[in-house]
Amino acid sequence: LPPGTRLVANAVTLESEALLALWHGRRGGSLLRIELADAAPLGNRHGWRSRYPVVQWSVTL
């Protein structure tokens, strides 16, 4: 890829998260962990149901 290209990668498994951490250590950039939850029924009320976290690595080459 040419210099100045912005690369963004997302991971949801432990194995792919480990790869992003490795690449971050080698190339720098930034790591971001995003955790999401959906409102879901909980009896006659609602609560939060967690989703898998997403780890995002971004770097400019």
Foldseek 3Di string as FASTA:
>chain_A
DDAQDKDKDKDQDPVVVVVLVVVCVVQNADKDKAKDWDWDDDPPHTDTDTDGIMIMGMDGD
